[in-house]
Structures are given as C-alpha cells and as structure tokens.
Amino acid sequence: MIRDAYKLPRSRVPSQINKALRGLAVSVLMGGTALLAGCLERDAADDAVTSPQNGDSSPVFSLASFSDIAGWENDDLGAALLTFRRSCARILAAPGTRALDPKTGADSLYGQIADWQPICDGALSADAARDPKGFFETGFQPFRVAMPSGGADGLITGYYEPEVRASLYRGGPYQTPLLTKPDDLLRLNLGDFDPSLRGETVRGRIEGGHFVPYPDRAAINRGALSADRLAVAWLADPVDAFFVHIQGSARLMLPDGDVMRVGFAEKNGRPYTAIGKVLVERGALAREAVTMQSIRDWLSANPSEMEIILEANQSYVFFNAVPIRDRTLGPTGAGGVALTSGRSLAVDRRIHGLGAPVWVQADLGTGTGGRLMVAQDTGSAIRGAVRGDYFWGSGAQAGARAGETKAQGQFWTLIPRALAQKWADKGGNTG
C-alpha cells in the first residue's frame, strides 16, 4: 500500500544525506553504476520505513491477558487463523536466522523467523483448525501497545483495491496511462553509506555522472517519460488513475469483460501531498468534510482545476501487471501474501513485524468493537505504535467503507509465548 513518499528526519538531512550522496558520486565517477545497482533494495512492496530510534520514541509493550481484550470471546478467530496461515507460508519458507521483519529488526519484540516457525507449524495443523481460539490462547502472549507518551489510543483508517475501467491499448476514452517502472529509476540504500541511516532510501536517476531526483508527477504527465513505451494499461478516468496511485493497486475491468490486476512496482521518490489538505487550504472543502468521495465530487465539478490539484502531489507510482489467482483475495501486501478483506492490517514496520497477529480495538462499523487481524502491509503514512490501516477489500463498496474509516483504536500484539519469555528475560520493554 502506498500512502506517502519517503522523508528523512529533518534534523539529519543536511550532513548525513550529503555524505551519502558524496559517496554515491564517488562510486559513479569510479565507474560504479553496477556497484550502485548492487546495493539497491528491490522489494517492490517496501515503503522506505526506518527503524525506530531509542529513548522516548520507543513504543511500550505491556504484558496482558486475553481476558483484558474486550470482544475476544466473540470474534471469528477461525477467519483470523486462515489469514495468519498465509503469512505462515512465508515464515516457514524463510531462513530461521532472519528477523521476522527486516525493517523491525531481530532485536525487537518480534524476534527472528525461527521464533515463529514452531507456532506456524501449529497453525497449519488440524487441531488449530478445530479450535482456533485454543490455538491462539495456548500459543501466544498478548501485549498491549502504547505510544512513547504512554497513550494507548491511536488512529485507524481504511484502504481498499479500486476497480476501474481500463484498456490494454490507447484509444477512445482510454487516454490516462498507468506506467511500469522505468529502467533508469534507481533506489539508493543510504545505510550502505552511513550505518545510522539503515533502512532509509532515496530514489532518483543518474544524469551526467550525478544522482538526481526523478521527474515529478507534473513532468511525467507532460511527457518526461514515454507513456506509449511504459504503459501497462490505459484508464478512462484520470481521477481513477490518481486514486489507483494512492491505493497502490487496482483491478482493471477491460472492455472484453476480462479482469486484470496491477500492483505497486516502484515510486518516483518525490514527496507525497494529500490533495484533501490542498483543497482545505484553498477553501474548497471544509476539513471535517474531506472524504474520498467529497474529493472526487469536487474534482468532477471543477474540471478546469483538476490537473492543478492532482499535480500538487508530486509523488508518482509505477505498476506491474499481476495475475489474479483468487478473486476472493486482495493484492499482495508488503508481507508478500495476498491481503484478506477485514483481516489484513497495514502497520508501521519500524515498530511492528509483518506476519504478527494484532488485535485492533476500534469502532470500524463492522458490528463488533474489535477483531484479530494480521500485520501484512505497510505505508509510509502509517506511522506510530498505534496506527493502522484496515484493508476493506476490492471494489466500490469497499472503497466507500475505506473512505469513511477514521476511528480511535487500541492495539494488542500477539507474540509466541517462548519468544515473549525470551524478551522478558533480556529485559525488554514491557511497561
């Protein structure tokens, strides 16, 4: 899920990024283009998040019990188990010495893959399927999550996979392209130049021996890239295309009745600007009235200003065509598995490891006060210990629900009991 563009912490931009880019310039001058490519991360779902800093920014994990979780007894834990199993398929195939999530790190509460493989073996068993509640309560230790300030309330929003009219060929109403990743777009891992910047990246391209920013949305719209060469598909509505960029994936409804999917391949690395904020600053919308639908309505009613508003967001996303193997599931999230409507959660990977079960206590209009979900996605607008994005599914109805989702919420993360004991033994932060 792509919700924002990468930003370095302001206090570290001048000296450290310049140091990193000077190192890059040396590698280019020494004929190091191949060296540069070798140190780039190529995980298409990565959203350039960084590890949390020590001290006041560390989240607080407090030991809890399942009886502390309101609604636990009433949730459909079988549905949560099926979602967790999809993450387990990845966990069981990974090297045991790797962190559960490289962005969170092996020294975090979430530990190493090896700490999760026994519980995943159990998740795939017939016993777990017969008694999912018993499986979670026997195998996991819940921790209540709080922000560094001690507050346990955070923000829960929603996202979805759009379904939009599209064609594989340009013609008629189909004039707005979705582009695939250009060959000259590179991603620089700053941690390879300065260990204190581990996990932080910048994107750009090499021009005349210099690493320069990649063209922004306005420049791309005006022909900085060859749309005819790079187009994956052509959409009938430029506003649809914009929201596909925001969500990071889409199902394309083709003229012959076929359906294909596009998923996130890369982004240009330019800063993300929420156009709802732009409309509020212009006095076009009241802050409390900003929803996805109200933005669409305003753009439809003001076509002469549409391009100006859309191009206020310099960030631009590139896509790949992705096969649809199961129409009941969503696109592949950052955790490498297909997302499940109502059970997949996007989290801040600096804090929470992808693949971990997370209980979300919030009024999301689902008829329950909370449910067990699985951290399977991320987004750089999702920042904080108690900050989540709830995946609603695909299509217009899911989009309407996602656009209205904004609620206070609380997190309990579930950790394998053996790992929780190791964390406590080494003096981990348990409030």
Protein backbone atom coordinates (compact mmCIF):
# COMPACT_ATOMS: atom_id res chain seq x y z
CA MET A 1 0.00 0.00 0.00
CA ILE A 2 1.42 3.37 -0.98
CA ARG A 3 0.25 6.30 1.02
CA ASP A 4 3.18 8.69 1.22
CA ALA A 5 6.64 9.43 -0.04
CA TYR A 6 9.85 8.91 1.88
CA LYS A 7 11.07 11.77 4.07
CA LEU A 8 14.31 11.87 6.01
CA PRO A 9 14.14 13.14 9.58
CA ARG A 10 14.62 16.88 9.15
CA SER A 11 17.43 17.14 11.68
CA ARG A 12 19.59 14.68 9.74
CA VAL A 13 19.09 15.84 6.18
CA PRO A 14 21.93 18.33 5.66
CA SER A 15 25.05 16.44 6.76
CA GLN A 16 24.20 12.77 6.50
CA ILE A 17 22.35 12.71 3.22
CA ASN A 18 25.06 14.86 1.65
CA LYS A 19 27.68 12.44 2.95
CA ALA A 20 25.75 9.53 1.44
CA LEU A 21 25.36 11.24 -1.92
CA ARG A 22 29.02 12.21 -1.99
CA GLY A 23 29.79 8.54 -1.60
CA LEU A 24 27.44 7.80 -4.47
CA ALA A 25 29.15 10.40 -6.65
CA VAL A 26 32.50 8.74 -5.99
CA SER A 27 31.08 5.35 -6.98
CA VAL A 28 29.71 6.81 -10.22
CA LEU A 29 32.97 8.58 -11.06
CA MET A 30 34.82 5.32 -10.45
CA GLY A 31 32.57 3.55 -12.93
CA GLY A 32 30.40 2.25 -10.13
CA THR A 33 26.96 2.14 -11.76
CA ALA A 34 26.94 -1.63 -11.32
CA LEU A 35 28.04 -1.17 -7.72
CA LEU A 36 25.13 1.20 -7.16
CA ALA A 37 22.64 -1.25 -8.59
CA GLY A 38 24.05 -3.97 -6.38
CA CYS A 39 23.22 -2.12 -3.18
CA LEU A 40 19.68 -1.19 -4.07
CA GLU A 41 16.79 -2.90 -2.32
CA ARG A 42 14.37 -4.42 -4.82
CA ASP A 43 11.43 -5.44 -2.66
CA ALA A 44 8.60 -3.80 -4.62
CA ALA A 45 6.35 -3.52 -1.59
CA ASP A 46 8.91 -1.72 0.58
CA ASP A 47 7.85 1.76 1.58
CA ALA A 48 11.20 3.02 2.81
CA VAL A 49 10.44 2.95 6.51
CA THR A 50 13.18 3.19 9.10
CA SER A 51 13.97 1.57 12.41
CA PRO A 52 12.64 3.36 15.50
CA GLN A 53 15.16 5.34 17.46
CA ASN A 54 15.99 4.59 21.07
CA GLY A 55 14.71 6.56 24.01
CA ASP A 56 11.46 8.48 24.03
CA SER A 57 10.35 7.19 20.61
CA SER A 58 10.33 3.53 21.73
CA PRO A 59 6.84 2.05 22.00
CA VAL A 60 5.69 0.47 25.26
CA PHE A 61 4.61 -3.18 25.21
CA SER A 62 2.79 -4.20 28.40
CA LEU A 63 2.08 -7.81 29.34
CA ALA A 64 -1.63 -8.53 29.18
CA SER A 65 -4.03 -11.45 29.20
CA PHE A 66 -6.72 -12.44 26.73
CA SER A 67 -9.34 -11.58 29.35
CA ASP A 68 -8.17 -7.96 29.07
CA ILE A 69 -9.27 -7.83 25.41
CA ALA A 70 -12.89 -6.78 25.10
CA GLY A 71 -14.64 -8.79 22.40
CA TRP A 72 -12.06 -11.57 22.24
CA GLU A 73 -14.67 -14.20 23.11
CA ASN A 74 -16.95 -13.11 20.26
CA ASP A 75 -14.56 -12.77 17.33
CA ASP A 76 -14.40 -15.21 14.43
CA LEU A 77 -10.92 -16.44 15.23
CA GLY A 78 -11.15 -19.07 12.50
CA ALA A 79 -11.07 -16.27 9.92
CA ALA A 80 -8.05 -14.76 11.65
CA LEU A 81 -6.33 -18.16 11.64
CA LEU A 82 -6.79 -18.53 7.87
CA THR A 83 -5.21 -15.10 7.36
CA PHE A 84 -2.34 -15.91 9.72
CA ARG A 85 -1.70 -19.15 7.82
CA ARG A 86 -0.98 -17.14 4.66
CA SER A 87 1.78 -15.28 6.48
CA CYS A 88 2.99 -18.58 7.94
CA ALA A 89 3.61 -19.95 4.46
CA ARG A 90 6.20 -17.20 4.01
CA ILE A 91 7.61 -17.62 7.52
CA LEU A 92 8.13 -21.36 7.15
CA ALA A 93 9.96 -20.89 3.85
CA ALA A 94 12.37 -18.24 5.21
CA PRO A 95 15.79 -18.74 6.88
CA GLY A 96 15.41 -19.05 10.64
CA THR A 97 18.19 -16.58 11.40
CA ARG A 98 16.45 -13.72 9.60
CA ALA A 99 14.37 -11.19 11.54
CA LEU A 100 10.63 -11.73 11.32
CA ASP A 101 10.63 -8.35 9.59
CA PRO A 102 13.94 -6.83 8.43
CA LYS A 103 12.53 -3.34 8.95
CA THR A 104 11.65 -4.02 12.58
CA GLY A 105 14.82 -5.97 13.28
CA ALA A 106 15.71 -9.17 15.11
CA ASP A 107 16.34 -7.30 18.38
CA SER A 108 12.74 -6.15 18.58
CA LEU A 109 9.87 -7.85 20.41
CA TYR A 110 9.13 -9.74 17.18
CA GLY A 111 12.44 -11.60 17.12
CA GLN A 112 13.63 -13.98 14.41
CA ILE A 113 11.89 -16.22 11.91
CA ALA A 114 12.99 -19.24 13.98
CA ASP A 115 10.96 -17.90 16.91
CA TRP A 116 7.82 -18.04 14.74
CA GLN A 117 8.30 -21.27 12.82
CA PRO A 118 7.06 -23.61 15.61
CA ILE A 119 3.87 -21.58 16.07
CA CYS A 120 3.34 -21.57 12.31
CA ASP A 121 3.70 -25.36 12.21
CA GLY A 122 0.95 -25.45 14.80
CA ALA A 123 -1.22 -23.01 12.84
CA LEU A 124 -1.28 -25.39 9.87
CA SER A 125 -2.44 -28.33 11.98
CA ALA A 126 -5.89 -29.84 12.08
CA ASP A 127 -6.02 -29.15 15.84
CA ALA A 128 -5.71 -25.41 15.24
CA ALA A 129 -8.47 -25.52 12.63
CA ARG A 130 -10.77 -27.35 15.05
CA ASP A 131 -10.06 -24.92 17.92
CA PRO A 132 -8.62 -21.63 16.70
CA LYS A 133 -9.39 -19.89 19.98
CA GLY A 134 -7.44 -22.54 21.88
CA PHE A 135 -4.59 -22.28 19.39
CA PHE A 136 -4.16 -18.53 19.88
CA GLU A 137 -4.60 -18.61 23.65
CA THR A 138 -2.20 -21.52 24.15
CA GLY A 139 0.47 -20.40 21.73
CA PHE A 140 0.55 -16.62 22.13
CA GLN A 141 1.16 -14.00 24.79
CA PRO A 142 -0.72 -10.72 24.26
CA PHE A 143 0.99 -7.38 24.83
CA ARG A 144 -0.90 -4.12 24.99
CA VAL A 145 0.76 -1.49 22.81
CA ALA A 146 1.16 2.11 23.87
CA MET A 147 2.84 5.11 22.33
CA PRO A 148 6.00 6.58 23.87
CA SER A 149 3.89 9.17 25.69
CA GLY A 150 2.05 6.33 27.40
CA GLY A 151 -1.19 6.85 25.50
CA ALA A 152 -2.82 3.69 24.16
CA ASP A 153 -5.26 5.34 21.74
CA GLY A 154 -4.21 5.73 18.13
CA LEU A 155 -5.73 6.20 14.69
CA ILE A 156 -7.25 3.50 12.49
CA THR A 157 -8.05 4.33 8.85
CA GLY A 158 -9.04 2.18 5.88
CA TYR A 159 -7.85 1.36 2.38
CA TYR A 160 -9.02 -0.82 -0.49
CA GLU A 161 -8.32 -2.06 -4.01
CA PRO A 162 -10.14 0.03 -6.65
CA GLU A 163 -11.92 -1.50 -9.64
CA VAL A 164 -11.61 0.81 -12.65
CA ARG A 165 -12.40 0.82 -16.37
CA ALA A 166 -9.27 0.26 -18.44
CA SER A 167 -7.87 -1.00 -21.71
CA LEU A 168 -4.57 -2.55 -22.67
CA TYR A 169 -4.48 -0.21 -25.67
CA ARG A 170 -4.77 3.55 -26.01
CA GLY A 171 -7.87 4.74 -27.81
CA GLY A 172 -11.29 6.33 -27.35
CA PRO A 173 -11.84 7.26 -23.69
CA TYR A 174 -8.74 5.33 -22.56
CA GLN A 175 -6.12 8.10 -22.50
CA THR A 176 -4.62 8.06 -18.99
CA PRO A 177 -1.74 5.60 -18.58
CA LEU A 178 -0.58 3.50 -15.68
CA LEU A 179 3.17 3.17 -16.23
CA THR A 180 5.56 0.37 -15.37
CA LYS A 181 8.89 1.06 -13.63
CA PRO A 182 11.38 2.81 -15.95
CA ASP A 183 14.80 1.18 -16.31
CA ASP A 184 16.65 4.28 -15.14
CA LEU A 185 14.80 4.63 -11.82
CA LEU A 186 17.20 3.66 -9.03
CA ARG A 187 16.78 3.34 -5.30
CA LEU A 188 19.75 4.18 -3.10
CA ASN A 189 20.06 2.50 0.29
CA LEU A 190 21.61 5.20 2.47
CA GLY A 191 22.57 2.63 5.10
CA ASP A 192 25.24 1.34 2.72
CA PHE A 193 26.97 4.72 3.06
CA ASP A 194 26.16 5.54 6.69
CA PRO A 195 25.05 2.79 9.12
CA SER A 196 22.97 5.27 11.14
CA LEU A 197 20.72 5.64 8.08
CA ARG A 198 19.98 1.90 7.88
CA GLY A 199 16.67 1.25 6.14
CA GLU A 200 16.38 4.76 4.68
CA THR A 201 16.36 5.20 0.92
CA VAL A 202 16.19 7.85 -1.76
CA ARG A 203 15.13 7.40 -5.38
CA GLY A 204 16.43 9.09 -8.49
CA ARG A 205 18.44 8.50 -11.64
CA ILE A 206 21.92 9.16 -12.95
CA GLU A 207 22.36 12.10 -15.32
CA GLY A 208 25.82 13.23 -16.41
CA GLY A 209 27.51 11.32 -13.59
CA HIS A 210 25.21 12.82 -10.92
CA PHE A 211 22.42 11.16 -8.95
CA VAL A 212 19.42 13.49 -9.40
CA PRO A 213 15.76 13.44 -8.30
CA TYR A 214 13.37 11.60 -10.55
CA PRO A 215 10.76 13.63 -12.51
CA ASP A 216 7.68 14.58 -10.51
CA ARG A 217 4.03 13.94 -11.38
CA ALA A 218 3.64 17.12 -13.45
CA ALA A 219 6.76 16.41 -15.51
CA ILE A 220 5.73 12.81 -16.13
CA ASN A 221 2.24 13.92 -17.17
CA ARG A 222 3.87 16.31 -19.66
CA GLY A 223 5.98 13.66 -21.34
CA ALA A 224 9.17 13.28 -19.29
CA LEU A 225 8.67 9.53 -19.75
CA SER A 226 7.37 7.69 -22.81
CA ALA A 227 3.83 6.64 -21.93
CA ASP A 228 3.47 4.64 -25.14
CA ARG A 229 6.53 2.57 -24.22
CA LEU A 230 5.88 2.18 -20.48
CA ALA A 231 2.08 1.90 -20.25
CA VAL A 232 0.78 -1.23 -18.52
CA ALA A 233 -2.78 -0.11 -19.26
CA TRP A 234 -4.84 2.97 -20.14
CA LEU A 235 -7.65 4.24 -17.92
CA ALA A 236 -10.80 6.07 -18.91
CA ASP A 237 -10.74 8.46 -15.95
CA PRO A 238 -7.68 10.46 -14.76
CA VAL A 239 -9.19 10.72 -11.28
CA ASP A 240 -9.47 6.93 -11.14
CA ALA A 241 -5.80 6.75 -12.13
CA PHE A 242 -4.85 9.15 -9.34
CA PHE A 243 -6.64 7.09 -6.71
CA VAL A 244 -5.07 3.91 -8.05
CA HIS A 245 -1.73 5.63 -7.31
CA ILE A 246 -2.89 6.41 -3.78
CA GLN A 247 -4.04 2.85 -3.06
CA GLY A 248 -1.10 1.20 -4.83
CA SER A 249 -3.06 -1.49 -6.68
CA ALA A 250 -6.24 -1.98 -8.71
CA ARG A 251 -8.40 -4.42 -10.58
CA LEU A 252 -8.78 -3.32 -14.19
CA MET A 253 -12.13 -4.01 -15.84
CA LEU A 254 -11.25 -4.48 -19.51
CA PRO A 255 -13.60 -3.86 -22.48
CA ASP A 256 -13.85 -7.57 -23.31
CA GLY A 257 -15.07 -8.37 -19.80
CA ASP A 258 -11.74 -9.72 -18.60
CA VAL A 259 -10.24 -8.56 -15.30
CA MET A 260 -6.55 -8.00 -14.59
CA ARG A 261 -4.69 -6.62 -11.61
CA VAL A 262 -1.90 -4.08 -11.33
CA GLY A 263 0.29 -3.87 -8.24
CA PHE A 264 2.91 -1.49 -6.93
CA ALA A 265 6.29 -1.74 -8.67
CA GLU A 266 8.07 1.46 -7.57
CA LYS A 267 7.59 5.18 -6.99
CA ASN A 268 9.49 8.24 -8.08
CA GLY A 269 10.55 9.20 -4.55
CA ARG A 270 9.06 12.69 -4.69
CA PRO A 271 7.15 13.98 -1.64
CA TYR A 272 3.55 12.94 -1.19
CA THR A 273 0.98 15.69 -0.64
CA ALA A 274 -2.59 14.81 0.34
CA ILE A 275 -4.87 16.64 -2.09
CA GLY A 276 -7.59 16.79 0.56
CA LYS A 277 -5.27 19.04 2.53
CA VAL A 278 -4.68 21.15 -0.59
CA LEU A 279 -8.42 21.59 -1.09
CA VAL A 280 -8.87 22.60 2.55
CA GLU A 281 -6.07 25.16 2.30
CA ARG A 282 -7.70 26.61 -0.82
CA GLY A 283 -11.03 26.89 0.99
CA ALA A 284 -12.65 24.45 -1.44
CA LEU A 285 -13.59 21.92 1.25
CA ALA A 286 -14.11 22.12 4.99
CA ARG A 287 -11.65 19.98 6.91
CA GLU A 288 -14.41 17.91 8.51
CA ALA A 289 -15.97 17.28 5.08
CA VAL A 290 -12.92 15.73 3.47
CA THR A 291 -13.54 12.16 2.32
CA MET A 292 -12.51 10.30 -0.78
CA GLN A 293 -15.99 10.86 -2.23
CA SER A 294 -16.07 14.58 -1.44
CA ILE A 295 -12.69 14.98 -3.17
CA ARG A 296 -13.98 13.11 -6.22
CA ASP A 297 -17.12 15.23 -6.29
CA TRP A 298 -15.11 18.46 -6.16
CA LEU A 299 -12.78 17.35 -8.96
CA SER A 300 -15.74 16.34 -11.10
CA ALA A 301 -17.39 19.71 -10.55
CA ASN A 302 -14.18 21.67 -11.26
CA PRO A 303 -12.53 20.03 -14.29
CA SER A 304 -10.52 23.13 -15.20
CA GLU A 305 -8.68 22.95 -11.85
CA MET A 306 -8.40 19.17 -11.64
CA GLU A 307 -4.90 18.93 -13.10
CA ILE A 308 -3.52 21.64 -10.80
CA ILE A 309 -4.89 19.87 -7.74
CA LEU A 310 -3.72 16.41 -8.75
CA GLU A 311 -0.23 17.64 -9.61
CA ALA A 312 0.13 19.24 -6.19
CA ASN A 313 1.04 15.68 -5.21
CA GLN A 314 4.50 15.22 -6.75
CA SER A 315 4.63 11.51 -5.88
CA TYR A 316 4.09 9.12 -8.79
CA VAL A 317 3.65 5.35 -8.56
CA PHE A 318 4.65 2.72 -11.13
CA PHE A 319 2.88 -0.62 -11.59
CA ASN A 320 3.29 -4.19 -12.76
CA ALA A 321 0.63 -6.48 -14.18
CA VAL A 322 -0.14 -9.17 -11.59
CA PRO A 323 -2.13 -12.38 -12.17
CA ILE A 324 -5.34 -12.82 -10.17
CA ARG A 325 -5.16 -16.33 -8.73
CA ASP A 326 -8.01 -15.97 -6.26
CA ARG A 327 -10.67 -13.29 -6.78
CA THR A 328 -11.74 -13.54 -3.14
CA LEU A 329 -8.36 -12.15 -2.03
CA GLY A 330 -6.83 -8.72 -2.41
CA PRO A 331 -3.48 -7.67 -3.85
CA THR A 332 -0.17 -8.78 -2.38
CA GLY A 333 0.84 -6.65 0.57
CA ALA A 334 4.28 -5.72 1.83
CA GLY A 335 4.38 -9.00 3.74
CA GLY A 336 4.43 -10.92 0.47
CA VAL A 337 0.98 -12.51 0.81
CA ALA A 338 -2.43 -11.74 -0.65
CA LEU A 339 -4.46 -9.44 1.59
CA THR A 340 -7.68 -10.62 3.22
CA SER A 341 -10.66 -8.28 3.45
CA GLY A 342 -11.35 -7.36 7.05
CA ARG A 343 -8.37 -9.29 8.43
CA SER A 344 -5.25 -7.72 6.91
CA LEU A 345 -3.77 -4.67 8.61
CA ALA A 346 -1.17 -2.16 7.46
CA VAL A 347 1.18 -1.12 10.28
CA ASP A 348 4.34 0.87 10.91
CA ARG A 349 7.15 -1.59 10.17
CA ARG A 350 9.58 0.37 12.31
CA ILE A 351 7.57 -0.94 15.26
CA HIS A 352 5.51 -3.99 14.27
CA GLY A 353 6.75 -7.03 12.38
CA LEU A 354 4.79 -8.14 9.33
CA GLY A 355 3.21 -11.54 9.91
CA ALA A 356 2.28 -10.94 13.55
CA PRO A 357 -1.35 -11.13 14.75
CA VAL A 358 -2.67 -7.82 16.10
CA TRP A 359 -5.94 -7.27 17.93
CA VAL A 360 -7.48 -3.96 16.85
CA GLN A 361 -9.99 -2.45 19.26
CA ALA A 362 -11.93 0.21 17.34
CA ASP A 363 -15.39 1.08 16.08
CA LEU A 364 -14.98 0.40 12.38
CA GLY A 365 -18.64 -0.04 11.57
CA THR A 366 -18.27 -3.83 11.36
CA GLY A 367 -20.77 -4.54 14.11
CA THR A 368 -18.05 -5.51 16.58
CA GLY A 369 -15.82 -3.45 18.83
CA GLY A 370 -12.67 -5.24 17.75
CA ARG A 371 -11.16 -8.14 15.84
CA LEU A 372 -7.99 -10.12 15.42
CA MET A 373 -6.08 -9.10 12.31
CA VAL A 374 -2.64 -9.87 10.88
CA ALA A 375 0.02 -7.27 10.09
CA GLN A 376 0.54 -7.89 6.36
CA ASP A 377 1.09 -4.47 4.81
CA THR A 378 2.59 -1.05 5.42
CA GLY A 379 2.61 2.51 4.14
CA SER A 380 4.74 5.48 4.99
CA ALA A 381 1.67 7.44 6.07
CA ILE A 382 1.15 4.71 8.67
CA ARG A 383 3.48 5.96 11.38
CA GLY A 384 3.30 5.15 15.06
CA ALA A 385 2.91 2.36 17.58
CA VAL A 386 -0.91 2.51 17.50
CA ARG A 387 -1.56 3.38 13.87
CA GLY A 388 -3.22 1.00 11.45
CA ASP A 389 -4.87 0.86 8.04
CA TYR A 390 -7.70 -1.63 7.73
CA PHE A 391 -8.00 -3.43 4.38
CA TRP A 392 -11.64 -3.42 3.29
CA GLY A 393 -11.33 -5.44 0.09
CA SER A 394 -11.90 -4.63 -3.57
CA GLY A 395 -14.45 -2.57 -5.47
CA ALA A 396 -16.72 0.41 -4.97
CA GLN A 397 -18.41 -0.78 -1.77
CA ALA A 398 -15.04 -1.45 -0.13
CA GLY A 399 -13.89 1.97 -1.34
CA ALA A 400 -16.87 3.68 0.24
CA ARG A 401 -16.20 1.97 3.56
CA ALA A 402 -12.48 2.73 3.39
CA GLY A 403 -13.11 6.38 2.61
CA GLU A 404 -15.25 6.75 5.72
CA THR A 405 -12.95 4.87 8.11
CA LYS A 406 -11.34 7.06 10.72
CA ALA A 407 -11.55 5.90 14.30
CA GLN A 408 -9.64 5.89 17.54
CA GLY A 409 -8.27 2.47 18.32
CA GLN A 410 -6.06 0.36 20.53
CA PHE A 411 -3.62 -2.45 19.72
CA TRP A 412 -2.73 -5.71 21.40
CA THR A 413 0.02 -7.61 19.59
CA LEU A 414 0.29 -11.39 19.94
CA ILE A 415 3.78 -12.89 20.38
CA PRO A 416 4.66 -16.62 20.56
CA ARG A 417 4.94 -17.47 24.25
CA ALA A 418 8.52 -18.76 24.02
CA LEU A 419 9.60 -15.55 22.29
CA ALA A 420 7.74 -13.44 24.84
CA GLN A 421 9.67 -15.19 27.61
CA LYS A 422 12.99 -14.52 25.83
CA TRP A 423 12.01 -10.86 25.51
CA ALA A 424 11.22 -10.63 29.23
CA ASP A 425 14.42 -12.48 30.20
CA LYS A 426 16.59 -9.96 28.34
CA GLY A 427 14.80 -7.02 29.97
CA GLY A 428 12.64 -5.97 27.05
CA ASN A 429 10.28 -3.03 27.34
CA THR A 430 7.11 -4.39 28.95
CA GLY A 431 5.82 -1.23 30.52
